C-alpha atoms as a PDB file:
ATOM      1  CA  UNK A   1       0.000   0.000   0.000  1.00  0.00           C
ATOM      2  CA  UNK A   2       1.517   3.293  -1.051  1.00  0.00           C
ATOM      3  CA  UNK A   3       0.731   6.547   0.684  1.00  0.00           C
ATOM      4  CA  UNK A   4       0.051   9.717  -1.188  1.00  0.00           C
ATOM      5  CA  UNK A   5       2.225  12.699  -0.514  1.00  0.00           C
ATOM      6  CA  UNK A   6       5.415  10.750   0.223  1.00  0.00           C
ATOM      7  CA  UNK A   7       8.299  12.001  -1.879  1.00  0.00           C
ATOM      8  CA  UNK A   8      10.682   9.083  -1.353  1.00  0.00           C
ATOM      9  CA  UNK A   9      11.860   6.935  -4.215  1.00  0.00           C
ATOM     10  CA  UNK A  10       9.412   4.190  -4.975  1.00  0.00           C
ATOM     11  CA  UNK A  11      10.352   0.651  -4.044  1.00  0.00           C
ATOM     12  CA  UNK A  12       9.887  -2.235  -6.399  1.00  0.00           C
ATOM     13  CA  UNK A  13       6.638  -4.178  -5.757  1.00  0.00           C
ATOM     14  CA  UNK A  14       8.526  -7.289  -4.587  1.00  0.00           C
ATOM     15  CA  UNK A  15      10.401  -5.283  -1.940  1.00  0.00           C
ATOM     16  CA  UNK A  16       7.163  -3.637  -0.787  1.00  0.00           C
ATOM     17  CA  UNK A  17       5.495  -7.067  -0.399  1.00  0.00           C
ATOM     18  CA  UNK A  18       8.503  -8.340   1.539  1.00  0.00           C
ATOM     19  CA  UNK A  19       8.453  -5.349   3.908  1.00  0.00           C
ATOM     20  CA  UNK A  20       4.695  -5.678   4.378  1.00  0.00           C
ATOM     21  CA  UNK A  21       5.053  -9.342   5.295  1.00  0.00           C
ATOM     22  CA  UNK A  22       7.763  -8.464   7.827  1.00  0.00           C
ATOM     23  CA  UNK A  23       5.579  -5.768   9.332  1.00  0.00           C
ATOM     24  CA  UNK A  24       2.507  -7.989   9.520  1.00  0.00           C
ATOM     25  CA  UNK A  25       4.489 -10.685  11.324  1.00  0.00           C
ATOM     26  CA  UNK A  26       5.792  -8.232  13.894  1.00  0.00           C
ATOM     27  CA  UNK A  27       4.234  -8.129  17.305  1.00  0.00           C
ATOM     28  CA  UNK A  28       4.842  -5.770  20.150  1.00  0.00           C
ATOM     29  CA  UNK A  29       4.781  -6.785  23.779  1.00  0.00           C
ATOM     30  CA  UNK A  30       4.113  -3.974  26.177  1.00  0.00           C
ATOM     31  CA  UNK A  31       4.378  -4.345  29.894  1.00  0.00           C
ATOM     32  CA  UNK A  32       3.741  -1.764  32.527  1.00  0.00           C
ATOM     33  CA  UNK A  33       4.845  -1.618  36.092  1.00  0.00           C
ATOM     34  CA  UNK A  34       1.740  -0.782  38.092  1.00  0.00           C
ATOM     35  CA  UNK A  35       3.353  -1.583  41.385  1.00  0.00           C
ATOM     36  CA  UNK A  36       3.109   1.928  42.763  1.00  0.00           C
ATOM     37  CA  UNK A  37       0.784   1.808  45.663  1.00  0.00           C
ATOM     38  CA  UNK A  38      -1.864   4.465  46.015  1.00  0.00           C
ATOM     39  CA  UNK A  39      -3.262   4.898  49.485  1.00  0.00           C
ATOM     40  CA  UNK A  40      -6.808   5.781  48.456  1.00  0.00           C
ATOM     41  CA  UNK A  41      -7.949   6.160  52.062  1.00  0.00           C
ATOM     42  CA  UNK A  42      -5.443   8.942  52.714  1.00  0.00           C
ATOM     43  CA  UNK A  43      -6.209  10.595  49.351  1.00  0.00           C
ATOM     44  CA  UNK A  44      -9.934  10.587  50.130  1.00  0.00           C
ATOM     45  CA  UNK A  45      -9.269  11.887  53.641  1.00  0.00           C
ATOM     46  CA  UNK A  46      -7.147  14.727  52.251  1.00  0.00           C
ATOM     47  CA  UNK A  47      -9.797  15.730  49.696  1.00  0.00           C
ATOM     48  CA  UNK A  48     -12.479  15.549  52.396  1.00  0.00           C
ATOM     49  CA  UNK A  49     -10.392  17.791  54.677  1.00  0.00           C
ATOM     50  CA  UNK A  50      -9.952  20.297  51.846  1.00  0.00           C
ATOM     51  CA  UNK A  51     -13.714  20.384  51.187  1.00  0.00           C
ATOM     52  CA  UNK A  52     -14.443  20.771  54.902  1.00  0.00           C
ATOM     53  CA  UNK A  53     -12.003  23.684  55.065  1.00  0.00           C
ATOM     54  CA  UNK A  54     -13.688  25.335  52.078  1.00  0.00           C
ATOM     55  CA  UNK A  55     -17.117  24.763  53.634  1.00  0.00           C
ATOM     56  CA  UNK A  56     -15.993  26.213  56.970  1.00  0.00           C
ATOM     57  CA  UNK A  57     -14.549  29.311  55.309  1.00  0.00           C
ATOM     58  CA  UNK A  58     -17.725  29.767  53.245  1.00  0.00           C
ATOM     59  CA  UNK A  59     -19.886  29.358  56.353  1.00  0.00           C
ATOM     60  CA  UNK A  60     -17.791  31.909  58.271  1.00  0.00           C
ATOM     61  CA  UNK A  61     -17.998  34.350  55.374  1.00  0.00           C
ATOM     62  CA  UNK A  62     -21.784  33.931  55.137  1.00  0.00           C
ATOM     63  CA  UNK A  63     -22.183  34.415  58.894  1.00  0.00           C
ATOM     64  CA  UNK A  64     -20.017  37.546  58.762  1.00  0.00           C
ATOM     65  CA  UNK A  65     -22.089  38.984  55.906  1.00  0.00           C
ATOM     66  CA  UNK A  66     -25.283  38.135  57.778  1.00  0.00           C
ATOM     67  CA  UNK A  67     -23.988  39.852  60.926  1.00  0.00           C
ATOM     68  CA  UNK A  68     -23.028  42.998  58.980  1.00  0.00           C
ATOM     69  CA  UNK A  69     -26.453  43.172  57.307  1.00  0.00           C
ATOM     70  CA  UNK A  70     -28.195  42.554  60.641  1.00  0.00           C
ATOM     71  CA  UNK A  71     -26.282  45.406  62.269  1.00  0.00           C
ATOM     72  CA  UNK A  72     -27.040  47.686  59.294  1.00  0.00           C
ATOM     73  CA  UNK A  73     -30.753  46.888  59.603  1.00  0.00           C
ATOM     74  CA  UNK A  74     -30.678  47.520  63.358  1.00  0.00           C
ATOM     75  CA  UNK A  75     -29.042  50.891  62.769  1.00  0.00           C
ATOM     76  CA  UNK A  76     -31.581  51.733  60.069  1.00  0.00           C
ATOM     77  CA  UNK A  77     -34.453  50.632  62.316  1.00  0.00           C
ATOM     78  CA  UNK A  78     -33.091  52.809  65.123  1.00  0.00           C
ATOM     79  CA  UNK A  79     -32.876  55.815  62.815  1.00  0.00           C
ATOM     80  CA  UNK A  80     -36.401  55.178  61.562  1.00  0.00           C
ATOM     81  CA  UNK A  81     -37.674  54.984  65.149  1.00  0.00           C
ATOM     82  CA  UNK A  82     -35.970  58.282  66.025  1.00  0.00           C
ATOM     83  CA  UNK A  83     -37.452  59.947  62.939  1.00  0.00           C
ATOM     84  CA  UNK A  84     -40.920  58.697  63.825  1.00  0.00           C
ATOM     85  CA  UNK A  85     -40.566  60.100  67.352  1.00  0.00           C
ATOM     86  CA  UNK A  86     -39.389  63.441  66.011  1.00  0.00           C
ATOM     87  CA  UNK A  87     -42.337  63.594  63.646  1.00  0.00           C
ATOM     88  CA  UNK A  88     -44.741  62.780  66.438  1.00  0.00           C
ATOM     89  CA  UNK A  89     -43.342  65.636  68.541  1.00  0.00           C
ATOM     90  CA  UNK A  90     -44.249  68.263  65.960  1.00  0.00           C
END
């Protein structure tokens, strides 16, 4: 089988057939060393700790925002009460 776009000198058909037969008879053996041990329990514990930290920081931020808004509303309510008293004194 010839590929288009190759600019090498063409081989005689007999040589091509011989190379193709060599290639088709070739096999590759691949082995991998998967002996590295992953401690999934510690990985899961670490990820869980990270999520808990994020959740705690988010909770603290939400509570802080709530407290600020609560104090702002108390101040506004106090001002409104003072204004109402002043109006009633007129």
